[in-house]
Protein backbone atom coordinates (compact mmCIF):
# COMPACT_ATOMS: atom_id res chain seq x y z
CA MET A 1 -33.68 161.08 -16.56
CA PRO A 2 -36.34 161.74 -13.99
CA ARG A 3 -35.62 160.11 -10.68
CA GLU A 4 -38.87 158.39 -10.32
CA ASP A 5 -38.47 156.27 -13.65
CA ALA A 6 -34.64 155.59 -13.50
CA LEU A 7 -35.18 151.89 -12.49
CA ILE A 8 -37.61 151.31 -15.27
CA ALA A 9 -35.52 153.18 -17.89
CA THR A 10 -32.34 151.39 -16.91
CA LEU A 11 -33.88 147.97 -16.93
CA ALA A 12 -35.71 148.63 -20.32
CA VAL A 13 -32.90 150.05 -22.16
CA SER A 14 -30.06 147.86 -20.84
CA LEU A 15 -32.17 144.66 -21.48
CA ALA A 16 -33.14 146.00 -25.01
CA LEU A 17 -29.54 146.82 -25.82
CA ALA A 18 -28.18 143.52 -24.37
CA PHE A 19 -30.57 141.60 -26.68
CA VAL A 20 -29.60 143.49 -29.86
CA PHE A 21 -25.97 143.39 -29.26
CA GLY A 22 -26.05 139.76 -27.75
CA LEU A 23 -27.85 138.50 -30.89
CA PHE A 24 -25.26 140.41 -33.07
CA ALA A 25 -22.44 138.63 -31.13
CA ALA A 26 -24.15 135.28 -31.54
CA ARG A 27 -24.67 135.76 -35.41
CA LEU A 28 -20.83 136.37 -35.52
CA ARG A 29 -20.44 133.07 -33.76
CA MET A 30 -19.09 135.04 -30.60
CA PRO A 31 -20.42 134.39 -27.08
CA PRO A 32 -23.39 136.59 -26.26
CA LEU A 33 -21.60 137.97 -23.20
CA VAL A 34 -19.42 140.00 -25.43
CA GLY A 35 -22.54 141.64 -26.84
CA TYR A 36 -23.73 142.31 -23.32
CA LEU A 37 -20.37 144.09 -22.58
CA LEU A 38 -20.73 146.24 -25.79
CA ALA A 39 -24.19 147.13 -24.61
CA GLY A 40 -22.83 148.50 -21.48
CA ILE A 41 -20.12 150.37 -23.27
CA ALA A 42 -22.95 151.97 -25.43
CA LEU A 43 -24.72 153.07 -22.26
CA SER A 44 -21.71 154.37 -20.24
CA PRO A 45 -21.08 157.95 -19.50
CA TYR A 46 -17.76 157.62 -21.52
CA THR A 47 -19.63 157.21 -24.96
CA PRO A 48 -22.14 159.49 -26.66
CA GLY A 49 -25.94 158.83 -26.49
CA TRP A 50 -28.30 157.99 -23.73
CA VAL A 51 -26.53 157.28 -20.43
CA ALA A 52 -28.00 154.54 -17.99
CA ASP A 53 -28.02 155.16 -14.13
CA VAL A 54 -24.65 153.96 -13.26
CA HIS A 55 -25.57 153.53 -9.60
CA LEU A 56 -28.62 151.20 -10.24
CA ALA A 57 -27.23 148.92 -12.76
CA PRO A 58 -24.47 147.44 -10.48
CA GLN A 59 -27.15 146.88 -7.84
CA LEU A 60 -29.36 144.95 -10.55
CA ALA A 61 -26.22 143.05 -11.47
CA GLU A 62 -25.81 142.03 -7.86
CA ILE A 63 -29.30 140.37 -7.93
CA GLY A 64 -27.82 138.19 -10.72
CA VAL A 65 -24.72 137.13 -8.60
CA MET A 66 -27.10 136.08 -5.84
CA LEU A 67 -29.46 133.98 -7.91
CA LEU A 68 -26.73 132.46 -9.86
CA MET A 69 -24.72 131.28 -6.71
CA PHE A 70 -27.94 130.07 -4.98
CA GLY A 71 -28.64 127.97 -8.15
CA VAL A 72 -25.09 126.58 -7.99
CA GLY A 73 -25.33 125.84 -4.23
CA THR A 74 -28.37 123.64 -4.86
CA HIS A 75 -26.23 121.37 -6.86
CA PHE A 76 -23.50 121.13 -4.41
CA SER A 77 -23.29 119.27 -1.08
CA LEU A 78 -20.83 119.91 1.85
CA ARG A 79 -19.33 116.45 0.75
CA ASP A 80 -18.45 118.01 -2.49
CA LEU A 81 -16.57 120.93 -1.05
CA VAL A 82 -14.81 118.86 1.54
CA ALA A 83 -13.61 116.58 -1.30
CA VAL A 84 -11.74 119.40 -3.01
CA ARG A 85 -10.51 121.22 0.04
CA SER A 86 -6.93 119.76 -0.25
CA ILE A 87 -6.46 121.49 -3.73
CA ALA A 88 -8.88 124.47 -3.52
CA ILE A 89 -7.48 126.16 -0.25
CA PRO A 90 -3.84 125.85 -0.86
CA GLY A 91 -4.28 126.33 -4.61
CA ALA A 92 -6.38 129.38 -4.18
CA VAL A 93 -4.13 131.05 -1.61
CA ALA A 94 -1.01 130.29 -3.75
CA GLN A 95 -2.41 131.66 -6.86
CA ILE A 96 -3.55 134.79 -5.13
CA ALA A 97 -0.11 135.31 -4.02
CA VAL A 98 1.54 134.90 -7.32
CA ALA A 99 -1.14 137.15 -9.06
CA THR A 100 -0.60 139.82 -6.37
CA ALA A 101 3.13 139.63 -6.80
CA LEU A 102 2.86 140.02 -10.56
CA GLY A 103 0.64 143.09 -10.29
CA ALA A 104 2.65 144.67 -7.53
CA ALA A 105 5.90 144.15 -9.65
CA ALA A 106 4.10 145.94 -12.70
CA ALA A 107 3.07 148.62 -10.47
CA HIS A 108 6.47 149.20 -9.16
CA LEU A 109 7.86 149.59 -12.62
CA TRP A 110 5.20 152.32 -13.36
CA GLY A 111 6.56 154.15 -10.19
CA TRP A 112 3.54 153.45 -7.99
CA PRO A 113 3.97 153.20 -4.25
CA PHE A 114 4.20 149.71 -2.60
CA GLY A 115 0.74 150.02 -0.95
CA GLY A 116 -1.00 150.86 -4.18
CA GLY A 117 1.03 148.13 -6.11
CA LEU A 118 -0.04 145.45 -3.57
CA LEU A 119 -3.75 146.37 -3.66
CA PHE A 120 -3.62 146.58 -7.49
CA GLY A 121 -2.14 143.05 -7.72
CA LEU A 122 -4.60 141.71 -5.19
CA ALA A 123 -7.53 143.00 -7.46
CA LEU A 124 -6.00 141.24 -10.37
CA SER A 125 -5.87 137.86 -8.52
CA VAL A 126 -9.68 137.40 -7.99
CA ALA A 127 -11.83 135.70 -10.52
CA SER A 128 -15.41 136.75 -11.30
CA THR A 129 -18.22 134.68 -9.73
CA VAL A 130 -20.52 135.24 -12.69
CA VAL A 131 -17.94 134.57 -15.44
CA LEU A 132 -16.56 131.40 -13.95
CA LEU A 133 -20.04 129.88 -13.19
CA ARG A 134 -21.69 130.87 -16.52
CA ALA A 135 -18.67 129.53 -18.41
CA LEU A 136 -18.70 126.15 -16.56
CA GLU A 137 -22.60 125.93 -17.02
CA GLU A 138 -22.44 126.60 -20.73
CA ARG A 139 -19.84 123.81 -21.07
CA GLY A 140 -21.66 121.30 -18.92
CA ALA A 141 -18.39 121.36 -16.67
CA LEU A 142 -20.12 122.56 -13.38
CA HIS A 143 -20.43 119.00 -12.00
CA THR A 144 -17.12 117.65 -13.30
CA ASP A 145 -13.79 117.38 -11.21
CA ASP A 146 -12.67 120.63 -12.93
CA GLY A 147 -15.97 122.35 -11.98
CA ARG A 148 -15.93 121.36 -8.20
CA ILE A 149 -12.35 122.41 -7.93
CA ALA A 150 -13.08 125.70 -9.66
CA VAL A 151 -16.08 126.42 -7.39
CA GLY A 152 -14.07 125.51 -4.22
CA TRP A 153 -11.27 127.72 -5.33
CA LEU A 154 -13.74 130.49 -6.12
CA LEU A 155 -15.16 130.21 -2.55
CA VAL A 156 -11.72 130.48 -0.92
CA GLU A 157 -10.87 133.60 -3.06
CA ASP A 158 -14.27 134.95 -1.83
CA LEU A 159 -13.34 134.47 1.79
CA VAL A 160 -9.88 135.96 1.22
CA THR A 161 -11.32 139.03 -0.46
CA VAL A 162 -13.95 139.51 2.35
CA LEU A 163 -11.17 139.60 4.79
CA ALA A 164 -9.14 142.02 2.57
CA LEU A 165 -12.10 144.30 2.31
CA VAL A 166 -12.69 144.32 6.12
CA LEU A 167 -9.14 144.89 7.08
CA LEU A 168 -8.42 147.54 4.28
CA PRO A 169 -9.55 150.43 6.35
CA ALA A 170 -7.22 149.46 9.33
CA LEU A 171 -4.28 148.98 6.95
CA ALA A 172 -4.99 152.20 4.98
CA GLY A 173 -2.32 154.19 6.83
CA VAL A 174 0.34 151.50 6.57
CA LEU A 175 -0.37 151.14 2.82
CA GLY A 176 0.22 154.80 2.26
CA GLY A 177 -3.38 155.92 2.14
CA GLU A 178 -6.15 157.54 4.26
CA THR A 179 -8.75 155.83 6.29
CA LEU A 180 -12.28 157.02 5.47
CA PRO A 181 -14.16 158.34 8.45
CA ASP A 182 -17.02 155.93 8.07
CA LEU A 183 -14.77 153.04 7.66
CA ALA A 184 -12.55 153.63 10.51
CA ALA A 185 -12.17 150.58 12.76
CA PRO A 186 -13.36 151.08 16.45
CA GLY A 187 -10.43 150.52 18.58
CA GLY A 188 -8.12 150.47 15.54
CA SER A 189 -6.73 147.05 16.46
CA LEU A 190 -5.83 145.02 13.28
CA TRP A 191 -5.76 141.70 15.15
CA ALA A 192 -8.95 142.36 16.76
CA MET A 193 -10.69 143.23 13.56
CA LEU A 194 -9.22 139.97 12.00
CA GLY A 195 -10.56 137.81 14.88
CA ILE A 196 -13.96 139.46 14.80
CA THR A 197 -14.26 138.91 11.04
CA LEU A 198 -13.00 135.21 11.25
CA GLY A 199 -15.54 134.74 14.04
CA LYS A 200 -18.30 136.28 12.05
CA VAL A 201 -17.57 133.95 9.17
CA ALA A 202 -17.34 130.81 11.24
CA LEU A 203 -20.60 131.72 12.99
CA PHE A 204 -22.24 132.30 9.66
CA ILE A 205 -21.16 128.91 8.38
CA ALA A 206 -22.13 127.03 11.51
CA LEU A 207 -25.62 128.63 11.49
CA MET A 208 -26.17 127.70 7.83
CA LEU A 209 -24.97 124.13 8.35
CA ILE A 210 -26.76 123.51 11.45
CA VAL A 211 -29.89 125.65 11.50
CA GLY A 212 -30.36 126.55 7.98
CA ALA A 213 -29.91 122.89 6.81
CA ARG A 214 -33.08 122.00 8.79
CA VAL A 215 -35.09 125.22 8.40
CA PHE A 216 -34.81 125.92 4.87
CA PRO A 217 -35.74 122.37 3.47
CA TRP A 218 -38.69 122.40 6.02
CA ILE A 219 -39.88 125.85 4.52
CA LEU A 220 -39.88 124.46 0.82
CA GLN A 221 -41.76 121.39 1.92
CA GLY A 222 -44.45 123.39 3.61
CA VAL A 223 -44.76 125.53 0.48
CA VAL A 224 -44.86 122.47 -1.77
CA ARG A 225 -48.08 121.33 -0.05
CA THR A 226 -49.79 124.36 -1.13
CA GLN A 227 -49.30 123.07 -4.79
CA SER A 228 -48.66 126.70 -5.77
CA ARG A 229 -45.79 127.21 -8.40
CA GLU A 230 -46.02 130.84 -7.76
CA LEU A 231 -45.56 130.64 -4.02
CA PHE A 232 -42.67 128.07 -4.52
CA THR A 233 -40.86 130.46 -6.85
CA LEU A 234 -41.40 133.44 -4.41
CA ALA A 235 -40.07 131.11 -1.52
CA ALA A 236 -36.93 130.43 -3.56
CA ILE A 237 -36.18 134.06 -4.40
CA ALA A 238 -36.83 135.03 -0.84
CA LEU A 239 -34.36 132.35 0.41
CA ALA A 240 -31.78 133.26 -2.25
CA LEU A 241 -31.94 137.10 -1.93
CA GLY A 242 -33.04 137.28 1.84
CA VAL A 243 -30.30 134.97 3.16
CA ALA A 244 -27.66 136.54 0.88
CA TYR A 245 -28.49 140.23 1.89
CA GLY A 246 -29.08 139.38 5.54
CA CYS A 247 -25.74 137.51 5.91
CA ALA A 248 -23.87 140.22 4.09
CA HIS A 249 -25.00 142.82 6.59
CA LEU A 250 -25.09 140.50 9.78
CA PHE A 251 -21.90 138.63 9.30
CA ASP A 252 -19.79 140.84 6.66
CA VAL A 253 -19.66 137.89 4.12
CA SER A 254 -20.22 138.59 0.52
CA VAL A 255 -23.73 138.25 -0.88
CA ALA A 256 -22.19 135.48 -3.28
CA LEU A 257 -21.14 133.42 -0.36
CA GLY A 258 -24.50 133.95 1.49
CA ALA A 259 -26.40 132.82 -1.54
CA PHE A 260 -24.20 129.77 -2.25
CA PHE A 261 -24.48 128.39 1.27
CA ALA A 262 -28.46 129.12 1.13
CA GLY A 263 -28.51 126.86 -1.95
CA MET A 264 -26.15 124.32 -0.61
CA VAL A 265 -28.14 123.61 2.64
CA ILE A 266 -31.15 122.73 0.62
CA SER A 267 -29.18 120.44 -1.76
CA GLY A 268 -30.21 117.41 0.23
CA SER A 269 -34.01 118.34 -0.10
CA ASP A 270 -35.98 116.74 -2.69
CA HIS A 271 -36.96 120.15 -4.05
CA SER A 272 -33.67 121.69 -4.37
CA HIS A 273 -33.49 121.08 -8.22
CA LYS A 274 -36.98 122.40 -8.75
CA ALA A 275 -36.05 125.71 -6.98
CA SER A 276 -32.87 126.00 -9.25
CA ALA A 277 -34.94 125.34 -12.36
CA TYR A 278 -37.62 127.81 -11.51
CA LEU A 279 -35.10 130.55 -10.97
CA GLN A 280 -33.10 129.87 -14.14
CA PRO A 281 -34.91 132.48 -16.14
CA LEU A 282 -34.31 135.19 -13.61
CA GLN A 283 -30.63 134.03 -13.27
CA ASP A 284 -30.16 134.40 -17.07
CA VAL A 285 -31.83 138.00 -17.19
CA PHE A 286 -29.86 139.37 -14.22
CA ALA A 287 -26.59 137.66 -15.36
CA ALA A 288 -26.95 139.65 -18.49
CA LEU A 289 -27.33 142.71 -16.56
CA PHE A 290 -24.15 142.00 -14.67
CA PHE A 291 -22.25 142.05 -18.03
CA VAL A 292 -23.99 145.35 -19.06
CA ALA A 293 -22.84 147.03 -15.74
CA VAL A 294 -19.30 145.81 -16.23
CA GLY A 295 -19.32 147.49 -19.83
CA MET A 296 -20.76 150.71 -18.19
CA LEU A 297 -17.67 151.12 -16.09
CA PHE A 298 -15.24 150.86 -18.96
CA GLU A 299 -13.57 154.01 -20.28
CA PRO A 300 -12.58 153.17 -23.83
CA ALA A 301 -10.12 155.98 -23.98
CA VAL A 302 -7.68 154.05 -21.77
CA LEU A 303 -6.94 151.78 -24.69
CA TRP A 304 -5.03 154.40 -26.69
CA THR A 305 -3.76 156.55 -23.87
CA HIS A 306 -2.25 153.77 -22.02
CA PRO A 307 -2.04 150.75 -24.16
CA LEU A 308 1.16 149.23 -22.71
CA GLN A 309 -0.34 149.22 -19.25
CA VAL A 310 -3.55 147.71 -20.29
CA LEU A 311 -1.77 145.02 -22.21
CA THR A 312 0.36 144.30 -19.08
CA VAL A 313 -2.81 144.04 -17.03
CA VAL A 314 -4.50 141.67 -19.51
CA ALA A 315 -1.31 139.49 -19.73
CA ILE A 316 -1.26 139.07 -15.88
CA ILE A 317 -4.88 138.03 -15.84
CA VAL A 318 -4.98 135.86 -18.96
CA VAL A 319 -1.49 134.31 -19.06
CA GLY A 320 0.11 134.99 -15.67
CA LYS A 321 -2.85 133.64 -13.45
CA SER A 322 -3.56 130.83 -15.83
CA LEU A 323 0.07 129.52 -15.77
CA ALA A 324 0.15 129.86 -12.05
CA ALA A 325 -3.08 128.00 -11.60
CA LEU A 326 -1.91 125.36 -13.99
CA ALA A 327 1.36 124.79 -12.32
CA ILE A 328 -0.32 124.73 -8.83
CA VAL A 329 -2.89 122.26 -9.83
CA ARG A 330 -0.23 119.98 -11.27
CA LEU A 331 1.97 120.36 -8.26
CA LEU A 332 -0.95 119.15 -6.05
CA GLY A 333 -1.20 115.96 -7.97
CA ARG A 334 -4.12 116.53 -10.42
CA PRO A 335 -3.80 115.52 -14.12
CA LEU A 336 -2.83 117.93 -16.76
CA GLY A 337 -6.68 118.06 -18.27
CA THR A 338 -7.96 119.13 -14.86
CA ALA A 339 -5.25 121.52 -14.55
CA LEU A 340 -6.01 123.22 -17.92
CA GLY A 341 -9.77 123.34 -17.17
CA VAL A 342 -9.22 125.00 -13.79
CA SER A 343 -6.69 127.44 -15.28
CA ALA A 344 -9.03 128.60 -18.06
CA ALA A 345 -11.97 129.21 -15.64
CA LEU A 346 -9.60 131.58 -13.53
CA ALA A 347 -8.31 133.54 -16.31
CA GLN A 348 -10.53 136.65 -15.75
CA ILE A 349 -11.39 139.16 -13.09
CA GLY A 350 -14.78 140.82 -12.13
CA GLU A 351 -16.96 142.22 -9.27
CA PHE A 352 -14.53 141.92 -6.40
CA SER A 353 -11.75 143.53 -8.22
CA PHE A 354 -14.01 146.58 -8.98
CA ILE A 355 -14.78 146.83 -5.16
CA LEU A 356 -11.08 146.85 -4.22
CA ALA A 357 -10.34 149.42 -6.88
CA VAL A 358 -13.07 151.77 -5.71
CA MET A 359 -12.07 151.40 -2.15
CA GLY A 360 -8.31 151.69 -2.99
CA VAL A 361 -8.96 155.03 -4.91
CA ASP A 362 -11.20 156.42 -2.18
CA MET A 363 -8.55 155.90 0.47
CA LYS A 364 -5.80 157.32 -1.80
CA ILE A 365 -3.96 153.91 -1.69
CA LEU A 366 -4.40 153.26 -5.59
CA PRO A 367 -3.74 155.93 -8.13
CA PRO A 368 -6.94 156.81 -10.11
CA GLU A 369 -5.61 155.31 -13.43
CA GLY A 370 -5.34 151.91 -11.61
CA GLN A 371 -9.08 151.73 -11.48
CA SER A 372 -9.25 152.27 -15.17
CA TYR A 373 -6.57 149.61 -15.62
CA ILE A 374 -8.66 147.04 -13.73
CA VAL A 375 -11.81 147.78 -15.40
CA ALA A 376 -10.13 147.58 -18.86
CA GLY A 377 -8.46 144.27 -17.75
CA ALA A 378 -11.87 142.80 -16.43
CA LEU A 379 -13.69 143.67 -19.77
CA LEU A 380 -10.94 142.34 -22.15
CA SER A 381 -10.20 139.13 -20.00
CA ILE A 382 -13.99 138.41 -19.78
CA SER A 383 -14.24 138.82 -23.46
CA LEU A 384 -11.09 136.53 -24.10
CA ASN A 385 -12.14 133.89 -21.61
CA PRO A 386 -14.23 131.88 -24.18
CA LEU A 387 -10.91 131.77 -26.17
CA ALA A 388 -9.15 130.33 -23.17
CA PHE A 389 -11.60 127.54 -22.93
CA ARG A 390 -11.49 126.67 -26.54
CA LEU A 391 -7.57 126.57 -26.40
CA THR A 392 -7.65 124.29 -23.40
CA ALA A 393 -10.25 121.97 -24.99
CA ARG A 394 -8.09 121.66 -28.05
CA LEU A 395 -4.97 120.88 -25.67
CA ARG A 396 -6.97 118.22 -23.88
CA ALA A 397 -8.08 116.71 -27.05
CA LYS A 398 -4.62 116.18 -28.45
CA PRO A 399 -3.25 112.63 -28.07
CA PRO A 400 -0.45 112.07 -25.71
CA ALA A 401 3.05 112.21 -27.33
CA PRO A 402 4.35 108.67 -28.01
CA GLY A 403 7.10 107.17 -25.84
């Protein structure tokens, strides 16, 4: 493919195949996202035929993550997040610990070193932002108690993963790997890096809540006075993408977290829901590209060359994580129905898992096959996630046992 038309070709072919496979999946009464994943597999380097640009597709998918998180943020207030902090913070941390332990135990049985197993388990513990939010939106559960807890839980996972990504280069030697030259920590102090990272995150949150909460609604109000839908849409996109990208590079937070806070600080504005509605079509298009990009990473051969390992990974994600979340939510005093809803939402992995896997392989902490298992686990768990929601819906609908 000529370099000058790579973007157009990747967009055109990816969207066309996503539509065809998504329509086919819908006709079979399956979620369209299964079709999007199949479209990605068809475009991957591991299957015959035309190969999409595997570097461009994930970047396009990242736009979907930013727009989706911005839209979700416009429907949440700081009060909503504070209300679920008592369950989201301890719940997310405990669930990450359980899933990491399960993944590390499996890796130990396969003969991997401790560091590789630890990173592998961590990659299996983090749910996908896009999958979770799309699932909640499709079921009208985003603004329920389940949805608020799941989103708060997701944000805590996001922060933990950001810390892991920042600290990984400093810990590479301890974990049995090699620190990449461009990722080496200045000064090499682990505690200094941790302190700097936490300070950046705190500064980012403070700026968003103090400055952003005043400036962003003021910007939207000024644009509304122009009575131009076009300018309002551009302003919303600029806020979503600009804040997400800027915060990621200035404060080392994820683009998803930056976009969420950009949306949340305008949630009190009279125009927040309008901004979300105007961006909805773009969210849908780029969210579809996210699933196509996931499919492009999948190597189908791993299913028959290492079936036991793939099944183990899927079991940890779909069963192990779900049961851990279910038990944790119940232990924290929430009803069974809420626990079932949260556990179904978290029964998958996605974008952060891929980033951890790539860094782990590059630093020689994670064996190369570990990345293949993680991608296979992501694709299969994403495909099975709608079934998890259906199962929990049936369990919630059952009348309580007498006596």
